[in-house]
C-alpha atoms as a PDB file:
ATOM      1  CA  UNK A   1    -174.570-120.985 -14.293  1.00  0.00           C
ATOM      2  CA  UNK A   2    -175.148-117.336 -14.940  1.00  0.00           C
ATOM      3  CA  UNK A   3    -174.599-114.464 -12.266  1.00  0.00           C
ATOM      4  CA  UNK A   4    -175.690-110.929 -12.268  1.00  0.00           C
ATOM      5  CA  UNK A   5    -176.136-108.305  -9.619  1.00  0.00           C
ATOM      6  CA  UNK A   6    -179.374-106.586  -8.947  1.00  0.00           C
ATOM      7  CA  UNK A   7    -179.270-103.163  -7.119  1.00  0.00           C
ATOM      8  CA  UNK A   8    -181.163-103.023  -3.963  1.00  0.00           C
ATOM      9  CA  UNK A   9    -183.315 -99.902  -4.567  1.00  0.00           C
ATOM     10  CA  UNK A  10    -185.158-100.619  -1.206  1.00  0.00           C
ATOM     11  CA  UNK A  11    -182.054-100.603   1.033  1.00  0.00           C
ATOM     12  CA  UNK A  12    -182.832 -97.181   2.617  1.00  0.00           C
ATOM     13  CA  UNK A  13    -186.572 -97.623   2.734  1.00  0.00           C
ATOM     14  CA  UNK A  14    -186.665 -98.725   6.369  1.00  0.00           C
ATOM     15  CA  UNK A  15    -189.919-100.652   7.125  1.00  0.00           C
ATOM     16  CA  UNK A  16    -190.721-102.904   4.181  1.00  0.00           C
ATOM     17  CA  UNK A  17    -187.345-102.696   2.566  1.00  0.00           C
ATOM     18  CA  UNK A  18    -186.916-106.484   2.447  1.00  0.00           C
ATOM     19  CA  UNK A  19    -190.191-107.173   0.837  1.00  0.00           C
ATOM     20  CA  UNK A  20    -189.594-104.382  -1.631  1.00  0.00           C
ATOM     21  CA  UNK A  21    -186.114-105.849  -2.472  1.00  0.00           C
ATOM     22  CA  UNK A  22    -187.667-109.337  -2.737  1.00  0.00           C
ATOM     23  CA  UNK A  23    -190.176-108.218  -5.178  1.00  0.00           C
ATOM     24  CA  UNK A  24    -187.422-106.632  -7.484  1.00  0.00           C
ATOM     25  CA  UNK A  25    -185.397-109.845  -7.310  1.00  0.00           C
ATOM     26  CA  UNK A  26    -188.611-111.903  -8.055  1.00  0.00           C
ATOM     27  CA  UNK A  27    -189.047-109.876 -11.237  1.00  0.00           C
ATOM     28  CA  UNK A  28    -185.580-110.866 -12.412  1.00  0.00           C
ATOM     29  CA  UNK A  29    -186.688-114.610 -12.369  1.00  0.00           C
ATOM     30  CA  UNK A  30    -183.716-115.944 -10.511  1.00  0.00           C
ATOM     31  CA  UNK A  31    -183.102-119.183  -8.809  1.00  0.00           C
ATOM     32  CA  UNK A  32    -181.225-118.002  -5.858  1.00  0.00           C
ATOM     33  CA  UNK A  33    -180.213-114.958  -3.878  1.00  0.00           C
ATOM     34  CA  UNK A  34    -177.112-114.269  -1.806  1.00  0.00           C
ATOM     35  CA  UNK A  35    -177.166-111.609   0.946  1.00  0.00           C
ATOM     36  CA  UNK A  36    -176.229-110.976   4.648  1.00  0.00           C
ATOM     37  CA  UNK A  37    -179.407-110.137   6.286  1.00  0.00           C
ATOM     38  CA  UNK A  38    -183.022-111.638   5.432  1.00  0.00           C
ATOM     39  CA  UNK A  39    -185.817-110.593   7.704  1.00  0.00           C
ATOM     40  CA  UNK A  40    -188.854-112.744   8.193  1.00  0.00           C
ATOM     41  CA  UNK A  41    -190.990-110.968   5.666  1.00  0.00           C
ATOM     42  CA  UNK A  42    -188.426-110.883   2.965  1.00  0.00           C
ATOM     43  CA  UNK A  43    -187.495-114.475   3.598  1.00  0.00           C
ATOM     44  CA  UNK A  44    -191.032-115.591   3.212  1.00  0.00           C
ATOM     45  CA  UNK A  45    -191.505-113.553   0.181  1.00  0.00           C
ATOM     46  CA  UNK A  46    -188.330-115.014  -1.513  1.00  0.00           C
ATOM     47  CA  UNK A  47    -189.282-118.648  -0.487  1.00  0.00           C
ATOM     48  CA  UNK A  48    -192.767-118.134  -1.833  1.00  0.00           C
ATOM     49  CA  UNK A  49    -191.287-117.132  -5.125  1.00  0.00           C
ATOM     50  CA  UNK A  50    -189.352-120.482  -5.089  1.00  0.00           C
ATOM     51  CA  UNK A  51    -185.877-119.092  -4.556  1.00  0.00           C
ATOM     52  CA  UNK A  52    -182.955-120.577  -2.535  1.00  0.00           C
ATOM     53  CA  UNK A  53    -181.542-118.141  -0.106  1.00  0.00           C
ATOM     54  CA  UNK A  54    -177.759-118.123   0.797  1.00  0.00           C
ATOM     55  CA  UNK A  55    -175.798-116.266   3.460  1.00  0.00           C
ATOM     56  CA  UNK A  56    -172.845-114.504   2.132  1.00  0.00           C
ATOM     57  CA  UNK A  57    -171.020-111.308   2.613  1.00  0.00           C
ATOM     58  CA  UNK A  58    -167.737-109.698   1.599  1.00  0.00           C
ATOM     59  CA  UNK A  59    -165.907-109.203  -1.737  1.00  0.00           C
ATOM     60  CA  UNK A  60    -168.446-110.227  -4.375  1.00  0.00           C
ATOM     61  CA  UNK A  61    -165.945-112.121  -6.506  1.00  0.00           C
ATOM     62  CA  UNK A  62    -165.078-114.237  -3.389  1.00  0.00           C
ATOM     63  CA  UNK A  63    -168.706-114.768  -2.453  1.00  0.00           C
ATOM     64  CA  UNK A  64    -169.531-115.954  -6.088  1.00  0.00           C
ATOM     65  CA  UNK A  65    -166.509-118.382  -5.756  1.00  0.00           C
ATOM     66  CA  UNK A  66    -167.789-119.671  -2.550  1.00  0.00           C
ATOM     67  CA  UNK A  67    -171.199-120.100  -4.054  1.00  0.00           C
ATOM     68  CA  UNK A  68    -169.855-121.963  -7.134  1.00  0.00           C
ATOM     69  CA  UNK A  69    -167.883-124.284  -4.748  1.00  0.00           C
ATOM     70  CA  UNK A  70    -171.136-124.977  -2.615  1.00  0.00           C
ATOM     71  CA  UNK A  71    -169.482-123.244   0.500  1.00  0.00           C
ATOM     72  CA  UNK A  72    -172.207-120.726   1.244  1.00  0.00           C
ATOM     73  CA  UNK A  73    -174.829-121.809   3.811  1.00  0.00           C
ATOM     74  CA  UNK A  74    -178.384-122.070   2.525  1.00  0.00           C
ATOM     75  CA  UNK A  75    -180.752-120.427   4.924  1.00  0.00           C
ATOM     76  CA  UNK A  76    -183.813-122.258   6.146  1.00  0.00           C
ATOM     77  CA  UNK A  77    -185.274-119.298   8.061  1.00  0.00           C
ATOM     78  CA  UNK A  78    -184.820-115.567   8.606  1.00  0.00           C
ATOM     79  CA  UNK A  79    -181.578-114.703  10.152  1.00  0.00           C
ATOM     80  CA  UNK A  80    -182.725-111.301  11.665  1.00  0.00           C
ATOM     81  CA  UNK A  81    -185.715-110.472  13.945  1.00  0.00           C
ATOM     82  CA  UNK A  82    -188.807-108.980  12.587  1.00  0.00           C
ATOM     83  CA  UNK A  83    -188.733-105.145  12.421  1.00  0.00           C
ATOM     84  CA  UNK A  84    -184.993-104.934  12.178  1.00  0.00           C
ATOM     85  CA  UNK A  85    -185.170-102.872   9.071  1.00  0.00           C
ATOM     86  CA  UNK A  86    -187.563-100.252  10.517  1.00  0.00           C
ATOM     87  CA  UNK A  87    -186.149 -96.782  10.814  1.00  0.00           C
ATOM     88  CA  UNK A  88    -186.165 -95.272  14.293  1.00  0.00           C
ATOM     89  CA  UNK A  89    -186.843 -91.669  13.366  1.00  0.00           C
END
């Protein structure tokens, strides 16, 4: 099992950041993603690309250990409401 990190270049994009991040990850041809918040559009894009989506946060080495030990929950739906990434200004 190989692991690598992918910078989230869309993290400050506000609206559409999740979909942009999903496209970046899809280009990496990964089987799974680990993150803290997955909005409905990003979640759908990742699922459409065939990825498993896991909820995890904290120190990355701990999160990877949790993943290897099958301790991270796999998400079956988005865990934040639509529009949560929209900037207010």
